[in-house]
Amino acid sequence: MIKYIGKRVILAAFTIFLVATITFFLMNLVPGGPFISEKSISAQAQAALKAKYGLDQPLIVQYKNYMVNAVQGDFGLSLKQRGRTVAEIISSKFPVSAKLGGLSVLLALLIGIPLGSIAAMNRGKWIDQVIIVIATCGIAFPSFVICTVGLYLFGVYLGWLPTMGLTTPIHYILPVFALSFYPMAYITRLMRSSMLDVIGQDYMRTARAKGLSQFVSLFKHALRNAILPVVTYVGPMLAYTLTGSLIVEKIFVIPGLGGQFVSSIINRDYTVIMGTTIFLATLIIVMNTLVDIAYKLIDPRIQLN
């Protein structure tokens, strides 16, 4: 286990290095710059700003300086939000996105796992068909469509729910549902197919032959093995909720890291783009590693190499 974790840490560090390197050079290949706006400032002022932030140096020198500072945890100053560091921006915005994403992941798991199990228990019946239709719609409709329909139906037409911000608990209903609908639908289909496969195994037939009820044999014996594909999906699902929140946060005007990331791209705030990308990549890689380790805890038969 220790050897496996060590290998994963080295691989994760190399992956983060590649993400940071590719992002840095692609970002600087885009025409324009952070100090060019609709009301363009003078060439002298632009040159002074570039010198202040080290953007007048050769690109390879900028890359070396940034990577050296980033390894030490210094992502620099924001080019647009004067006086604020990138670390301060991330620390103030990420808790909002983390709470939104965490609630979405929790909702997707709490609904998707039981729905998939119920569909498997009632294979071919009307309830199975209804669940399949809902899951298919959830996979087919992108989050911005769910956001738009929810805003119009529950926010404008019916007027039941607020449509902007996260000031009260009721404000979370629409964005959390929009963000969790796709992973919930995917988990439902994944759980249904996995549960159907497990139900047909010999040990399940033996359990039923011993007189165990269908409910007990399903949720006590089958669930632990059937849930393994869902555990595998948790890592990518966390990535989806973080990246998917970019659109959701913009639509619902939520002051989270996703909205900040979109704004930094529009404003060419290079340091915020780099810091946010590295932070999100690190978070996703760490979560995927934890999921792989959790695999071993759930099923001791799995060997980690």
Foldseek 3Di string as FASTA:
>chain_A
DVVLVVVLVVVLVVVLVVLLVVLLVVLVVDPDALQQDPPHDDPVVVVVLCVVQVVVDDSVVVVVVQVVCVVVVFLAPWSPPPPHGLVNLQVVFAVLLCVLLVLLLVVLVVQQQVLLLVLLVVPPDPSVVVLLVQLVVLQPDALVVLLVVCCCPCCPVVNPADQAEDPDPRPSVSLSCSLNSNSSSVSSVQLNVLLNVQCPDPVNVVVVVVPDDPVCSSVVPRSLRSCLVVLQCSLVSSLSSNQSVLSSCVRRVYRHLSVVLVVCSVSSRPSNVSVSSSVSSSVSSVSNVVSVVVSCVSPVVDDRD
